[in-house]
Amino acid sequence: MLTQPKSMLNALAHVPEKGKAELVNGEIVCMSPTGGLPARAGGAIYFSLRLHERLHGGGRAFPDNVGFVVDLPNRESFSPDAAFFTGALVGMSFPRGAPIFAAEVRSEFDYGPAMERELANKRADYFAAGTLVVWDIDLLGVNVVRKYSALDPANPTIFRAGQIADAEPAVPGWKMPVDELFE
């Protein structure tokens, strides 16, 4: 059972200007708006997942800015850029539990040693909460999609332009051309 105080979840729901945020270490961590290319990449992932959901079921696709409530010692929520969730939904409330698949699209300032540590810590939190696969999307690099798996989190599978990325075993049968992240 998730135990976050209602006041913290209410605070998350009322972040100024309805901005994107997560609950980490008991504090609301606001996230900057993203630029055009990263936003479109996250939207492309969501759109592809939504089509997969309609054809195959097995869960629900979610776009950016959805707060998934989790119960970890240092984190109470995630807000990935796109996600696939197999848990139950409760009306208008935040989904309870981690998505089975999460996509994190890097924005312009999501680079450098400090950010690499932050992203690695966030992936560890995802896996501790039950996420099976996390994509780290780097639209500026050659290794565009790094697929991290809970089964082997230290050794990502790399997908580059011209290749087809997957989220196995989290979203069976779903695949997406890496080139669609740039359209």
Protein backbone atom coordinates (compact mmCIF):
# COMPACT_ATOMS: atom_id res chain seq x y z
CA MET A 1 0.00 0.00 0.00
CA LEU A 2 1.32 3.43 -0.88
CA THR A 3 1.53 5.67 2.14
CA GLN A 4 2.22 9.22 0.93
CA PRO A 5 0.41 11.84 2.97
CA LYS A 6 -2.50 13.32 1.04
CA SER A 7 -1.02 16.75 1.62
CA MET A 8 2.12 15.88 -0.39
CA LEU A 9 0.08 14.43 -3.25
CA ASN A 10 -2.16 17.50 -3.18
CA ALA A 11 0.91 19.71 -3.29
CA LEU A 12 2.19 17.75 -6.29
CA ALA A 13 -1.15 18.21 -8.02
CA HIS A 14 -0.98 21.97 -7.45
CA VAL A 15 2.53 22.77 -8.60
CA PRO A 16 2.53 26.41 -9.73
CA GLU A 17 1.34 26.86 -13.30
CA LYS A 18 0.53 23.13 -13.44
CA GLY A 19 4.20 22.42 -14.17
CA LYS A 20 5.84 19.03 -14.27
CA ALA A 21 7.27 17.84 -10.94
CA GLU A 22 8.20 14.77 -8.91
CA LEU A 23 8.32 14.04 -5.19
CA VAL A 24 11.92 13.19 -4.28
CA ASN A 25 13.34 13.02 -0.75
CA GLY A 26 10.14 14.55 0.62
CA GLU A 27 10.40 17.63 -1.60
CA ILE A 28 8.70 18.73 -4.79
CA VAL A 29 11.29 18.84 -7.56
CA CYS A 30 10.05 21.01 -10.42
CA MET A 31 11.16 20.15 -13.91
CA SER A 32 11.80 22.71 -16.63
CA PRO A 33 9.67 22.79 -19.74
CA THR A 34 11.28 21.02 -22.67
CA GLY A 35 12.18 22.16 -26.16
CA GLY A 36 10.51 21.22 -29.41
CA LEU A 37 12.53 18.18 -30.49
CA PRO A 38 12.49 16.42 -27.08
CA ALA A 39 8.75 17.12 -26.72
CA ARG A 40 8.01 15.70 -30.16
CA ALA A 41 10.17 12.63 -29.42
CA GLY A 42 8.23 11.96 -26.20
CA GLY A 43 4.98 12.47 -28.11
CA ALA A 44 6.08 10.04 -30.82
CA ILE A 45 6.82 7.38 -28.19
CA TYR A 46 3.43 7.92 -26.56
CA PHE A 47 1.64 7.82 -29.94
CA SER A 48 3.37 4.56 -30.87
CA LEU A 49 2.60 3.03 -27.46
CA ARG A 50 -1.05 4.15 -27.73
CA LEU A 51 -1.40 2.41 -31.09
CA HIS A 52 0.14 -0.72 -29.58
CA GLU A 53 -2.29 -0.49 -26.65
CA ARG A 54 -5.28 -0.30 -29.01
CA LEU A 55 -4.12 -3.28 -31.04
CA HIS A 56 -2.76 -5.53 -28.30
CA GLY A 57 -3.89 -4.26 -24.88
CA GLY A 58 -1.78 -5.39 -21.97
CA GLY A 59 -1.61 -1.97 -20.34
CA ARG A 60 -2.13 1.73 -20.96
CA ALA A 61 0.08 4.28 -22.70
CA PHE A 62 0.63 7.63 -20.99
CA PRO A 63 2.06 10.90 -22.33
CA ASP A 64 4.31 13.39 -20.55
CA ASN A 65 3.35 15.01 -17.24
CA VAL A 66 1.57 12.07 -15.60
CA GLY A 67 2.53 11.57 -11.96
CA PHE A 68 2.99 7.92 -11.01
CA VAL A 69 2.89 7.54 -7.21
CA VAL A 70 5.43 5.09 -5.74
CA ASP A 71 6.54 4.20 -2.24
CA LEU A 72 10.33 4.29 -2.06
CA PRO A 73 12.40 5.62 0.85
CA ASN A 74 13.69 8.54 -1.24
CA ARG A 75 11.06 8.97 -3.96
CA GLU A 76 7.29 9.23 -3.99
CA SER A 77 6.63 9.84 -7.70
CA PHE A 78 7.85 9.70 -11.26
CA SER A 79 6.80 11.80 -14.23
CA PRO A 80 8.36 10.24 -17.34
CA ASP A 81 8.11 11.70 -20.84
CA ALA A 82 6.13 8.64 -21.98
CA ALA A 83 5.16 5.45 -20.18
CA PHE A 84 3.30 2.15 -20.33
CA PHE A 85 1.39 1.19 -17.17
CA THR A 86 -0.25 -2.11 -16.24
CA GLY A 87 -1.68 -1.16 -12.85
CA ALA A 88 -5.22 -0.18 -12.00
CA LEU A 89 -6.45 3.36 -12.56
CA VAL A 90 -8.50 5.13 -9.92
CA GLY A 91 -10.54 7.85 -11.57
CA MET A 92 -8.81 11.23 -11.77
CA SER A 93 -6.10 10.33 -9.24
CA PHE A 94 -2.44 9.80 -9.98
CA PRO A 95 -1.75 6.19 -11.09
CA ARG A 96 -0.50 4.18 -8.10
CA GLY A 97 2.68 2.26 -8.80
CA ALA A 98 5.49 2.54 -11.30
CA PRO A 99 5.00 2.24 -15.03
CA ILE A 100 6.33 -1.02 -16.46
CA PHE A 101 8.12 1.02 -19.16
CA ALA A 102 9.34 4.63 -18.86
CA ALA A 103 10.92 6.89 -21.47
CA GLU A 104 13.09 9.78 -20.34
CA VAL A 105 13.94 12.16 -23.20
CA ARG A 106 16.91 14.41 -22.50
CA SER A 107 16.37 18.12 -22.83
CA GLU A 108 18.97 20.67 -23.82
CA PHE A 109 20.55 20.87 -20.35
CA ASP A 110 20.37 17.16 -19.40
CA TYR A 111 24.08 16.53 -20.02
CA GLY A 112 27.32 16.41 -18.02
CA PRO A 113 28.67 14.31 -15.12
CA ALA A 114 26.20 15.58 -12.51
CA MET A 115 23.24 14.87 -14.79
CA GLU A 116 24.58 11.39 -15.62
CA ARG A 117 24.62 10.59 -11.88
CA GLU A 118 21.12 12.01 -11.45
CA LEU A 119 19.77 9.95 -14.37
CA ALA A 120 21.49 6.79 -13.09
CA ASN A 121 19.93 7.34 -9.64
CA LYS A 122 16.51 7.88 -11.20
CA ARG A 123 16.83 4.66 -13.22
CA ALA A 124 17.76 2.79 -10.02
CA ASP A 125 14.62 4.24 -8.40
CA TYR A 126 12.52 3.15 -11.38
CA PHE A 127 13.83 -0.41 -11.08
CA ALA A 128 13.37 -0.46 -7.29
CA ALA A 129 9.74 0.60 -7.81
CA GLY A 130 9.05 -2.18 -10.34
CA THR A 131 9.74 -0.64 -13.77
CA LEU A 132 11.18 -3.26 -16.11
CA VAL A 133 12.63 -1.07 -18.87
CA VAL A 134 13.76 2.57 -18.99
CA TRP A 135 14.73 4.32 -22.19
CA ASP A 136 17.27 7.14 -21.95
CA ILE A 137 16.80 9.10 -25.18
CA ASP A 138 19.71 11.28 -26.30
CA LEU A 139 18.72 13.20 -29.42
CA LEU A 140 22.15 14.86 -29.64
CA GLY A 141 24.23 11.67 -29.52
CA VAL A 142 24.98 8.75 -31.80
CA ASN A 143 23.57 6.28 -29.26
CA VAL A 144 20.06 7.69 -29.49
CA VAL A 145 18.18 5.18 -27.30
CA ARG A 146 19.82 3.46 -24.38
CA LYS A 147 17.50 0.72 -23.21
CA TYR A 148 18.15 -0.11 -19.56
CA SER A 149 16.60 -3.29 -18.21
CA ALA A 150 15.92 -4.21 -14.59
CA LEU A 151 17.48 -7.60 -15.43
CA ASP A 152 20.86 -6.01 -16.32
CA PRO A 153 20.79 -2.29 -15.41
CA ALA A 154 24.53 -1.73 -15.91
CA ASN A 155 24.58 -2.84 -19.55
CA PRO A 156 22.16 -0.93 -21.77
CA THR A 157 21.16 -2.06 -25.23
CA ILE A 158 21.98 0.70 -27.69
CA PHE A 159 19.75 1.72 -30.60
CA ARG A 160 20.95 4.20 -33.22
CA ALA A 161 19.40 6.02 -36.17
CA GLY A 162 18.20 3.54 -38.78
CA GLN A 163 17.49 0.85 -36.17
CA ILE A 164 14.31 -0.41 -34.53
CA ALA A 165 14.13 -0.01 -30.73
CA ASP A 166 12.08 -2.21 -28.41
CA ALA A 167 11.05 -2.27 -24.76
CA GLU A 168 11.10 -6.04 -24.21
CA PRO A 169 10.15 -7.57 -21.83
CA ALA A 170 8.09 -4.64 -20.51
CA VAL A 171 5.95 -4.09 -23.61
CA PRO A 172 5.95 -7.39 -25.55
CA GLY A 173 5.84 -6.99 -29.30
CA TRP A 174 6.15 -3.19 -29.31
CA LYS A 175 8.86 -1.73 -31.51
CA MET A 176 9.59 1.76 -32.75
CA PRO A 177 11.94 3.04 -35.47
CA VAL A 178 14.54 5.29 -33.85
CA ASP A 179 14.21 7.69 -36.79
CA GLU A 180 10.62 8.52 -35.69
CA LEU A 181 12.10 10.29 -32.66
CA PHE A 182 13.38 13.00 -35.00
CA GLU A 183 10.22 13.67 -37.04
